[in-house]
C-alpha cells in the first residue's frame, strides 16, 4: 500500500515484481483506493480494511491521512489499484 508512489522507475518496479512472483502468484497493490471504500463498508456494518498507515505511523496517521486527502482533492495524487497474476 502506498509503495509505487515513492519509486521513480515504475517500469523497473513492475519488472522486478514480475521477476520475483512465483508462477500463479498474485500482486495486490492499493494506492489510496481503499479510503473511498472504507466509509461505505462502515455504513453497511462491515469491518473496513486495516489502515496500514495507522499501524505504521501511530499518532501521526491522522495528519498524514488529512494531507493525502487534501492532495487527492487538489489533483496532486492519483489513486490506483493493481491486481495482477503471473501466469502459471
PDB file of N, CA and C in Angstrom:
ATOM      1  N   UNK A   1       0.831  -1.168   0.000  1.00  0.00           N
ATOM      2  CA  UNK A   1       0.000   0.000   0.000  1.00  0.00           C
ATOM      3  C   UNK A   1       0.880   1.236   0.000  1.00  0.00           C
ATOM      4  N   UNK A   2       0.585   2.164  -0.878  1.00  0.00           N
ATOM      5  CA  UNK A   2       1.336   3.415  -0.993  1.00  0.00           C
ATOM      6  C   UNK A   2       2.823   3.166  -1.197  1.00  0.00           C
ATOM      7  N   UNK A   3       3.134   2.215  -2.053  1.00  0.00           N
ATOM      8  CA  UNK A   3       4.531   1.887  -2.329  1.00  0.00           C
ATOM      9  C   UNK A   3       4.994   2.521  -3.625  1.00  0.00           C
ATOM     10  N   UNK A   4       4.300   2.263  -4.696  1.00  0.00           N
ATOM     11  CA  UNK A   4       4.804   2.672  -6.010  1.00  0.00           C
ATOM     12  C   UNK A   4       4.925   4.175  -6.157  1.00  0.00           C
ATOM     13  N   UNK A   5       4.183   4.944  -5.361  1.00  0.00           N
ATOM     14  CA  UNK A   5       4.286   6.397  -5.475  1.00  0.00           C
ATOM     15  C   UNK A   5       5.658   6.898  -5.066  1.00  0.00           C
ATOM     16  N   UNK A   6       6.403   6.104  -4.327  1.00  0.00           N
ATOM     17  CA  UNK A   6       7.730   6.503  -3.862  1.00  0.00           C
ATOM     18  C   UNK A   6       8.854   5.972  -4.743  1.00  0.00           C
ATOM     19  N   UNK A   7       8.526   5.328  -5.828  1.00  0.00           N
ATOM     20  CA  UNK A   7       9.532   4.725  -6.705  1.00  0.00           C
ATOM     21  C   UNK A   7       9.497   5.426  -8.053  1.00  0.00           C
ATOM     22  N   UNK A   8      10.620   6.042  -8.415  1.00  0.00           N
ATOM     23  CA  UNK A   8      10.690   6.809  -9.666  1.00  0.00           C
ATOM     24  C   UNK A   8      10.617   5.898 -10.888  1.00  0.00           C
ATOM     25  N   UNK A   9      11.296   4.770 -10.855  1.00  0.00           N
ATOM     26  CA  UNK A   9      11.357   3.855 -12.001  1.00  0.00           C
ATOM     27  C   UNK A   9      10.206   2.862 -11.931  1.00  0.00           C
ATOM     28  N   UNK A  10       9.021   3.298 -12.352  1.00  0.00           N
ATOM     29  CA  UNK A  10       7.826   2.449 -12.265  1.00  0.00           C
ATOM     30  C   UNK A  10       7.959   1.185 -13.111  1.00  0.00           C
ATOM     31  N   UNK A  11       8.487   1.326 -14.328  1.00  0.00           N
ATOM     32  CA  UNK A  11       8.642   0.152 -15.201  1.00  0.00           C
ATOM     33  C   UNK A  11       9.570  -0.866 -14.542  1.00  0.00           C
ATOM     34  N   UNK A  12      10.658  -0.397 -13.968  1.00  0.00           N
ATOM     35  CA  UNK A  12      11.589  -1.299 -13.282  1.00  0.00           C
ATOM     36  C   UNK A  12      10.950  -1.947 -12.069  1.00  0.00           C
ATOM     37  N   UNK A  13      10.123  -1.197 -11.364  1.00  0.00           N
ATOM     38  CA  UNK A  13       9.401  -1.710 -10.202  1.00  0.00           C
ATOM     39  C   UNK A  13       8.533  -2.906 -10.597  1.00  0.00           C
ATOM     40  N   UNK A  14       7.745  -2.728 -11.660  1.00  0.00           N
ATOM     41  CA  UNK A  14       6.856  -3.815 -12.084  1.00  0.00           C
ATOM     42  C   UNK A  14       7.626  -4.972 -12.718  1.00  0.00           C
ATOM     43  N   UNK A  15       8.729  -4.692 -13.392  1.00  0.00           N
ATOM     44  CA  UNK A  15       9.563  -5.787 -13.914  1.00  0.00           C
ATOM     45  C   UNK A  15      10.098  -6.641 -12.775  1.00  0.00           C
ATOM     46  N   UNK A  16      10.541  -5.993 -11.716  1.00  0.00           N
ATOM     47  CA  UNK A  16      11.081  -6.740 -10.579  1.00  0.00           C
ATOM     48  C   UNK A  16       9.995  -7.558  -9.890  1.00  0.00           C
ATOM     49  N   UNK A  17       8.799  -7.002  -9.780  1.00  0.00           N
ATOM     50  CA  UNK A  17       7.699  -7.769  -9.194  1.00  0.00           C
ATOM     51  C   UNK A  17       7.428  -9.009 -10.042  1.00  0.00           C
ATOM     52  N   UNK A  18       7.387  -8.824 -11.339  1.00  0.00           N
ATOM     53  CA  UNK A  18       7.146  -9.970 -12.226  1.00  0.00           C
ATOM     54  C   UNK A  18       8.248 -11.021 -12.076  1.00  0.00           C
ATOM     55  N   UNK A  19       9.479 -10.560 -11.929  1.00  0.00           N
ATOM     56  CA  UNK A  19      10.604 -11.482 -11.792  1.00  0.00           C
ATOM     57  C   UNK A  19      10.487 -12.334 -10.525  1.00  0.00           C
ATOM     58  N   UNK A  20      10.093 -11.728  -9.409  1.00  0.00           N
ATOM     59  CA  UNK A  20      10.102 -12.457  -8.141  1.00  0.00           C
ATOM     60  C   UNK A  20       8.813 -13.210  -7.839  1.00  0.00           C
ATOM     61  N   UNK A  21       7.721 -12.884  -8.537  1.00  0.00           N
ATOM     62  CA  UNK A  21       6.481 -13.632  -8.304  1.00  0.00           C
ATOM     63  C   UNK A  21       6.628 -15.057  -8.811  1.00  0.00           C
ATOM     64  N   UNK A  22       6.128 -15.982  -8.028  1.00  0.00           N
ATOM     65  CA  UNK A  22       6.088 -17.374  -8.477  1.00  0.00           C
ATOM     66  C   UNK A  22       5.037 -17.510  -9.562  1.00  0.00           C
ATOM     67  N   UNK A  23       5.181 -18.495 -10.440  1.00  0.00           N
ATOM     68  CA  UNK A  23       4.115 -18.748 -11.410  1.00  0.00           C
ATOM     69  C   UNK A  23       2.789 -18.977 -10.667  1.00  0.00           C
ATOM     70  N   UNK A  24       1.762 -18.287 -11.103  1.00  0.00           N
ATOM     71  CA  UNK A  24       0.468 -18.363 -10.439  1.00  0.00           C
ATOM     72  C   UNK A  24       0.354 -17.398  -9.259  1.00  0.00           C
ATOM     73  N   UNK A  25       1.449 -16.691  -8.941  1.00  0.00           N
ATOM     74  CA  UNK A  25       1.455 -15.757  -7.814  1.00  0.00           C
ATOM     75  C   UNK A  25       0.702 -14.482  -8.122  1.00  0.00           C
ATOM     76  N   UNK A  26       0.236 -13.822  -7.085  1.00  0.00           N
ATOM     77  CA  UNK A  26      -0.566 -12.601  -7.210  1.00  0.00           C
ATOM     78  C   UNK A  26       0.172 -11.398  -6.641  1.00  0.00           C
ATOM     79  N   UNK A  27      -0.107 -10.252  -7.203  1.00  0.00           N
ATOM     80  CA  UNK A  27       0.278  -8.958  -6.642  1.00  0.00           C
ATOM     81  C   UNK A  27      -1.004  -8.170  -6.461  1.00  0.00           C
ATOM     82  N   UNK A  28      -1.231  -7.680  -5.264  1.00  0.00           N
ATOM     83  CA  UNK A  28      -2.361  -6.803  -4.999  1.00  0.00           C
ATOM     84  C   UNK A  28      -1.773  -5.533  -4.413  1.00  0.00           C
ATOM     85  N   UNK A  29      -2.014  -4.438  -5.092  1.00  0.00           N
ATOM     86  CA  UNK A  29      -1.409  -3.168  -4.717  1.00  0.00           C
ATOM     87  C   UNK A  29      -2.488  -2.109  -4.676  1.00  0.00           C
ATOM     88  N   UNK A  30      -2.542  -1.356  -3.589  1.00  0.00           N
ATOM     89  CA  UNK A  30      -3.536  -0.307  -3.465  1.00  0.00           C
ATOM     90  C   UNK A  30      -2.852   0.999  -3.118  1.00  0.00           C
ATOM     91  N   UNK A  31      -3.196   2.026  -3.824  1.00  0.00           N
ATOM     92  CA  UNK A  31      -2.703   3.368  -3.554  1.00  0.00           C
ATOM     93  C   UNK A  31      -3.909   4.261  -3.275  1.00  0.00           C
ATOM     94  N   UNK A  32      -4.364   4.287  -2.061  1.00  0.00           N
ATOM     95  CA  UNK A  32      -5.442   5.154  -1.582  1.00  0.00           C
ATOM     96  C   UNK A  32      -6.848   4.738  -1.992  1.00  0.00           C
ATOM     97  N   UNK A  33      -7.024   3.767  -2.848  1.00  0.00           N
ATOM     98  CA  UNK A  33      -8.372   3.408  -3.279  1.00  0.00           C
ATOM     99  C   UNK A  33      -9.218   2.892  -2.123  1.00  0.00           C
ATOM    100  N   UNK A  34      -8.582   2.258  -1.135  1.00  0.00           N
ATOM    101  CA  UNK A  34      -9.355   1.722  -0.025  1.00  0.00           C
ATOM    102  C   UNK A  34     -10.035   2.826   0.757  1.00  0.00           C
ATOM    103  N   UNK A  35      -9.465   4.027   0.760  1.00  0.00           N
ATOM    104  CA  UNK A  35     -10.022   5.140   1.526  1.00  0.00           C
ATOM    105  C   UNK A  35     -11.419   5.506   1.077  1.00  0.00           C
ATOM    106  N   UNK A  36     -11.681   5.368  -0.197  1.00  0.00           N
ATOM    107  CA  UNK A  36     -13.006   5.682  -0.715  1.00  0.00           C
ATOM    108  C   UNK A  36     -14.015   4.597  -0.357  1.00  0.00           C
ATOM    109  N   UNK A  37     -13.535   3.369  -0.194  1.00  0.00           N
ATOM    110  CA  UNK A  37     -14.436   2.256   0.109  1.00  0.00           C
ATOM    111  C   UNK A  37     -14.740   2.123   1.598  1.00  0.00           C
ATOM    112  N   UNK A  38     -13.816   2.554   2.449  1.00  0.00           N
ATOM    113  CA  UNK A  38     -13.962   2.332   3.890  1.00  0.00           C
ATOM    114  C   UNK A  38     -15.239   2.913   4.483  1.00  0.00           C
ATOM    115  N   UNK A  39     -15.597   4.180   4.218  1.00  0.00           N
ATOM    116  CA  UNK A  39     -16.827   4.709   4.821  1.00  0.00           C
ATOM    117  C   UNK A  39     -18.070   3.916   4.417  1.00  0.00           C
ATOM    118  N   UNK A  40     -18.142   3.503   3.171  1.00  0.00           N
ATOM    119  CA  UNK A  40     -19.306   2.721   2.724  1.00  0.00           C
ATOM    120  C   UNK A  40     -19.363   1.379   3.442  1.00  0.00           C
ATOM    121  N   UNK A  41     -18.210   0.770   3.674  1.00  0.00           N
ATOM    122  CA  UNK A  41     -18.175  -0.502   4.389  1.00  0.00           C
ATOM    123  C   UNK A  41     -18.693  -0.332   5.821  1.00  0.00           C
ATOM    124  N   UNK A  42     -18.265   0.737   6.474  1.00  0.00           N
ATOM    125  CA  UNK A  42     -18.711   1.004   7.844  1.00  0.00           C
ATOM    126  C   UNK A  42     -20.214   1.240   7.874  1.00  0.00           C
ATOM    127  N   UNK A  43     -20.737   1.991   6.909  1.00  0.00           N
ATOM    128  CA  UNK A  43     -22.180   2.248   6.839  1.00  0.00           C
ATOM    129  C   UNK A  43     -22.973   0.961   6.689  1.00  0.00           C
ATOM    130  N   UNK A  44     -22.409  -0.023   5.982  1.00  0.00           N
ATOM    131  CA  UNK A  44     -23.098  -1.315   5.807  1.00  0.00           C
ATOM    132  C   UNK A  44     -22.900  -2.229   7.005  1.00  0.00           C
ATOM    133  N   UNK A  45     -22.135  -1.770   8.002  1.00  0.00           N
ATOM    134  CA  UNK A  45     -21.894  -2.590   9.182  1.00  0.00           C
ATOM    135  C   UNK A  45     -20.741  -3.557   9.011  1.00  0.00           C
ATOM    136  N   UNK A  46     -19.970  -3.399   7.942  1.00  0.00           N
ATOM    137  CA  UNK A  46     -18.817  -4.270   7.697  1.00  0.00           C
ATOM    138  C   UNK A  46     -17.569  -3.679   8.341  1.00  0.00           C
ATOM    139  N   UNK A  47     -16.594  -4.528   8.557  1.00  0.00           N
ATOM    140  CA  UNK A  47     -15.319  -4.062   9.085  1.00  0.00           C
ATOM    141  C   UNK A  47     -14.489  -3.505   7.927  1.00  0.00           C
ATOM    142  N   UNK A  48     -14.008  -2.261   8.041  1.00  0.00           N
ATOM    143  CA  UNK A  48     -13.193  -1.700   6.956  1.00  0.00           C
ATOM    144  C   UNK A  48     -11.830  -2.362   6.920  1.00  0.00           C
ATOM    145  N   UNK A  49     -11.118  -2.233   5.809  1.00  0.00           N
ATOM    146  CA  UNK A  49      -9.781  -2.812   5.735  1.00  0.00           C
ATOM    147  C   UNK A  49      -8.864  -2.155   6.762  1.00  0.00           C
ATOM    148  N   UNK A  50      -7.837  -2.891   7.171  1.00  0.00           N
ATOM    149  CA  UNK A  50      -6.867  -2.313   8.099  1.00  0.00           C
ATOM    150  C   UNK A  50      -6.221  -1.095   7.468  1.00  0.00           C
ATOM    151  N   UNK A  51      -6.039  -0.095   8.238  1.00  0.00           N
ATOM    152  CA  UNK A  51      -5.366   1.114   7.762  1.00  0.00           C
ATOM    153  C   UNK A  51      -3.903   0.989   8.139  1.00  0.00           C
ATOM    154  N   UNK A  52      -3.106   0.520   7.200  1.00  0.00           N
ATOM    155  CA  UNK A  52      -1.687   0.295   7.452  1.00  0.00           C
ATOM    156  C   UNK A  52      -0.997   1.564   7.921  1.00  0.00           C
ATOM    157  N   UNK A  53      -1.437   2.711   7.431  1.00  0.00           N
ATOM    158  CA  UNK A  53      -0.796   3.961   7.837  1.00  0.00           C
ATOM    159  C   UNK A  53      -0.918   4.159   9.341  1.00  0.00           C
ATOM    160  N   UNK A  54      -2.028   3.768   9.932  1.00  0.00           N
ATOM    161  CA  UNK A  54      -2.210   3.894  11.375  1.00  0.00           C
ATOM    162  C   UNK A  54      -1.297   2.924  12.120  1.00  0.00           C
ATOM    163  N   UNK A  55      -1.128   1.740  11.580  1.00  0.00           N
ATOM    164  CA  UNK A  55      -0.242   0.766  12.216  1.00  0.00           C
ATOM    165  C   UNK A  55       1.214   1.209  12.146  1.00  0.00           C
ATOM    166  N   UNK A  56       1.601   1.823  11.048  1.00  0.00           N
ATOM    167  CA  UNK A  56       2.990   2.222  10.844  1.00  0.00           C
ATOM    168  C   UNK A  56       3.312   3.552  11.520  1.00  0.00           C
ATOM    169  N   UNK A  57       2.420   4.521  11.384  1.00  0.00           N
ATOM    170  CA  UNK A  57       2.727   5.888  11.814  1.00  0.00           C
ATOM    171  C   UNK A  57       2.101   6.297  13.146  1.00  0.00           C
ATOM    172  N   UNK A  58       1.268   5.472  13.712  1.00  0.00           N
ATOM    173  CA  UNK A  58       0.700   5.761  15.023  1.00  0.00           C
ATOM    174  C   UNK A  58      -0.035   7.086  15.085  1.00  0.00           C
ATOM    175  N   UNK A  59       0.354   7.943  16.040  1.00  0.00           N
ATOM    176  CA  UNK A  59      -0.340   9.205  16.289  1.00  0.00           C
ATOM    177  C   UNK A  59      -0.293  10.160  15.097  1.00  0.00           C
ATOM    178  N   UNK A  60       0.714  10.046  14.253  1.00  0.00           N
ATOM    179  CA  UNK A  60       0.829  10.945  13.088  1.00  0.00           C
ATOM    180  C   UNK A  60      -0.101  10.532  11.950  1.00  0.00           C
ATOM    181  N   UNK A  61      -0.742   9.383  12.058  1.00  0.00           N
ATOM    182  CA  UNK A  61      -1.565   8.846  10.965  1.00  0.00           C
ATOM    183  C   UNK A  61      -2.703   9.786  10.566  1.00  0.00           C
ATOM    184  N   UNK A  62      -3.347  10.419  11.523  1.00  0.00           N
ATOM    185  CA  UNK A  62      -4.470  11.310  11.198  1.00  0.00           C
ATOM    186  C   UNK A  62      -3.994  12.482  10.336  1.00  0.00           C
ATOM    187  N   UNK A  63      -2.875  13.067  10.697  1.00  0.00           N
ATOM    188  CA  UNK A  63      -2.344  14.187   9.915  1.00  0.00           C
ATOM    189  C   UNK A  63      -1.902  13.719   8.527  1.00  0.00           C
ATOM    190  N   UNK A  64      -1.279  12.569   8.459  1.00  0.00           N
ATOM    191  CA  UNK A  64      -0.849  12.011   7.171  1.00  0.00           C
ATOM    192  C   UNK A  64      -2.069  11.761   6.288  1.00  0.00           C
ATOM    193  N   UNK A  65      -3.113  11.188   6.872  1.00  0.00           N
ATOM    194  CA  UNK A  65      -4.343  10.932   6.118  1.00  0.00           C
ATOM    195  C   UNK A  65      -4.983  12.213   5.614  1.00  0.00           C
ATOM    196  N   UNK A  66      -5.000  13.233   6.461  1.00  0.00           N
ATOM    197  CA  UNK A  66      -5.579  14.514   6.048  1.00  0.00           C
ATOM    198  C   UNK A  66      -4.765  15.125   4.903  1.00  0.00           C
ATOM    199  N   UNK A  67      -3.452  15.045   4.998  1.00  0.00           N
ATOM    200  CA  UNK A  67      -2.591  15.566   3.923  1.00  0.00           C
ATOM    201  C   UNK A  67      -2.836  14.824   2.615  1.00  0.00           C
ATOM    202  N   UNK A  68      -2.959  13.494   2.697  1.00  0.00           N
ATOM    203  CA  UNK A  68      -3.209  12.709   1.491  1.00  0.00           C
ATOM    204  C   UNK A  68      -4.582  13.024   0.914  1.00  0.00           C
ATOM    205  N   UNK A  69      -5.587  13.177   1.768  1.00  0.00           N
ATOM    206  CA  UNK A  69      -6.924  13.519   1.302  1.00  0.00           C
ATOM    207  C   UNK A  69      -6.944  14.858   0.584  1.00  0.00           C
ATOM    208  N   UNK A  70      -6.232  15.833   1.140  1.00  0.00           N
ATOM    209  CA  UNK A  70      -6.150  17.148   0.510  1.00  0.00           C
ATOM    210  C   UNK A  70      -5.427  17.061  -0.834  1.00  0.00           C
ATOM    211  N   UNK A  71      -4.337  16.305  -0.884  1.00  0.00           N
ATOM    212  CA  UNK A  71      -3.603  16.142  -2.142  1.00  0.00           C
ATOM    213  C   UNK A  71      -4.482  15.481  -3.197  1.00  0.00           C
ATOM    214  N   UNK A  72      -5.307  14.542  -2.784  1.00  0.00           N
ATOM    215  CA  UNK A  72      -6.220  13.875  -3.711  1.00  0.00           C
ATOM    216  C   UNK A  72      -7.255  14.866  -4.253  1.00  0.00           C
ATOM    217  N   UNK A  73      -7.854  15.639  -3.363  1.00  0.00           N
ATOM    218  CA  UNK A  73      -8.849  16.627  -3.784  1.00  0.00           C
ATOM    219  C   UNK A  73      -8.253  17.703  -4.696  1.00  0.00           C
ATOM    220  N   UNK A  74      -6.999  18.041  -4.462  1.00  0.00           N
ATOM    221  CA  UNK A  74      -6.329  19.055  -5.272  1.00  0.00           C
ATOM    222  C   UNK A  74      -5.746  18.490  -6.567  1.00  0.00           C
ATOM    223  N   UNK A  75      -5.887  17.191  -6.769  1.00  0.00           N
ATOM    224  CA  UNK A  75      -5.398  16.574  -8.001  1.00  0.00           C
ATOM    225  C   UNK A  75      -3.890  16.394  -8.053  1.00  0.00           C
ATOM    226  N   UNK A  76      -3.231  16.430  -6.903  1.00  0.00           N
ATOM    227  CA  UNK A  76      -1.776  16.248  -6.875  1.00  0.00           C
ATOM    228  C   UNK A  76      -1.383  14.786  -6.793  1.00  0.00           C
ATOM    229  N   UNK A  77      -2.310  13.920  -6.439  1.00  0.00           N
ATOM    230  CA  UNK A  77      -2.077  12.479  -6.429  1.00  0.00           C
ATOM    231  C   UNK A  77      -3.230  11.798  -7.155  1.00  0.00           C
ATOM    232  N   UNK A  78      -2.963  10.639  -7.707  1.00  0.00           N
ATOM    233  CA  UNK A  78      -3.974   9.875  -8.428  1.00  0.00           C
ATOM    234  C   UNK A  78      -4.031   8.484  -7.802  1.00  0.00           C
ATOM    235  N   UNK A  79      -5.188   8.080  -7.267  1.00  0.00           N
ATOM    236  CA  UNK A  79      -5.276   6.751  -6.674  1.00  0.00           C
ATOM    237  C   UNK A  79      -5.265   5.672  -7.749  1.00  0.00           C
ATOM    238  N   UNK A  80      -4.546   4.602  -7.473  1.00  0.00           N
ATOM    239  CA  UNK A  80      -4.528   3.457  -8.386  1.00  0.00           C
ATOM    240  C   UNK A  80      -4.748   2.186  -7.592  1.00  0.00           C
ATOM    241  N   UNK A  81      -5.160   1.171  -8.285  1.00  0.00           N
ATOM    242  CA  UNK A  81      -5.271  -0.163  -7.712  1.00  0.00           C
ATOM    243  C   UNK A  81      -4.765  -1.137  -8.756  1.00  0.00           C
ATOM    244  N   UNK A  82      -3.933  -2.061  -8.336  1.00  0.00           N
ATOM    245  CA  UNK A  82      -3.370  -3.047  -9.255  1.00  0.00           C
ATOM    246  C   UNK A  82      -3.686  -4.425  -8.707  1.00  0.00           C
ATOM    247  N   UNK A  83      -4.203  -5.271  -9.560  1.00  0.00           N
ATOM    248  CA  UNK A  83      -4.414  -6.675  -9.243  1.00  0.00           C
ATOM    249  C   UNK A  83      -3.823  -7.437 -10.416  1.00  0.00           C
ATOM    250  N   UNK A  84      -2.712  -8.113 -10.174  1.00  0.00           N
ATOM    251  CA  UNK A  84      -2.010  -8.790 -11.264  1.00  0.00           C
ATOM    252  C   UNK A  84      -1.671 -10.209 -10.855  1.00  0.00           C
ATOM    253  N   UNK A  85      -1.675 -11.103 -11.813  1.00  0.00           N
ATOM    254  CA  UNK A  85      -1.331 -12.500 -11.554  1.00  0.00           C
ATOM    255  C   UNK A  85      -0.335 -12.956 -12.592  1.00  0.00           C
ATOM    256  N   UNK A  86       0.750 -13.558 -12.134  1.00  0.00           N
ATOM    257  CA  UNK A  86       1.738 -14.111 -13.038  1.00  0.00           C
ATOM    258  C   UNK A  86       1.226 -15.436 -13.573  1.00  0.00           C
ATOM    259  N   UNK A  87       1.304 -15.599 -14.884  1.00  0.00           N
ATOM    260  CA  UNK A  87       0.825 -16.836 -15.494  1.00  0.00           C
ATOM    261  C   UNK A  87       1.560 -18.054 -14.940  1.00  0.00           C
ATOM    262  N   UNK A  88       0.821 -19.110 -14.759  1.00  0.00           N
ATOM    263  CA  UNK A  88       1.412 -20.356 -14.248  1.00  0.00           C
ATOM    264  C   UNK A  88       2.209 -21.052 -15.318  1.00  0.00           C
TER     265      UNK A  88
END
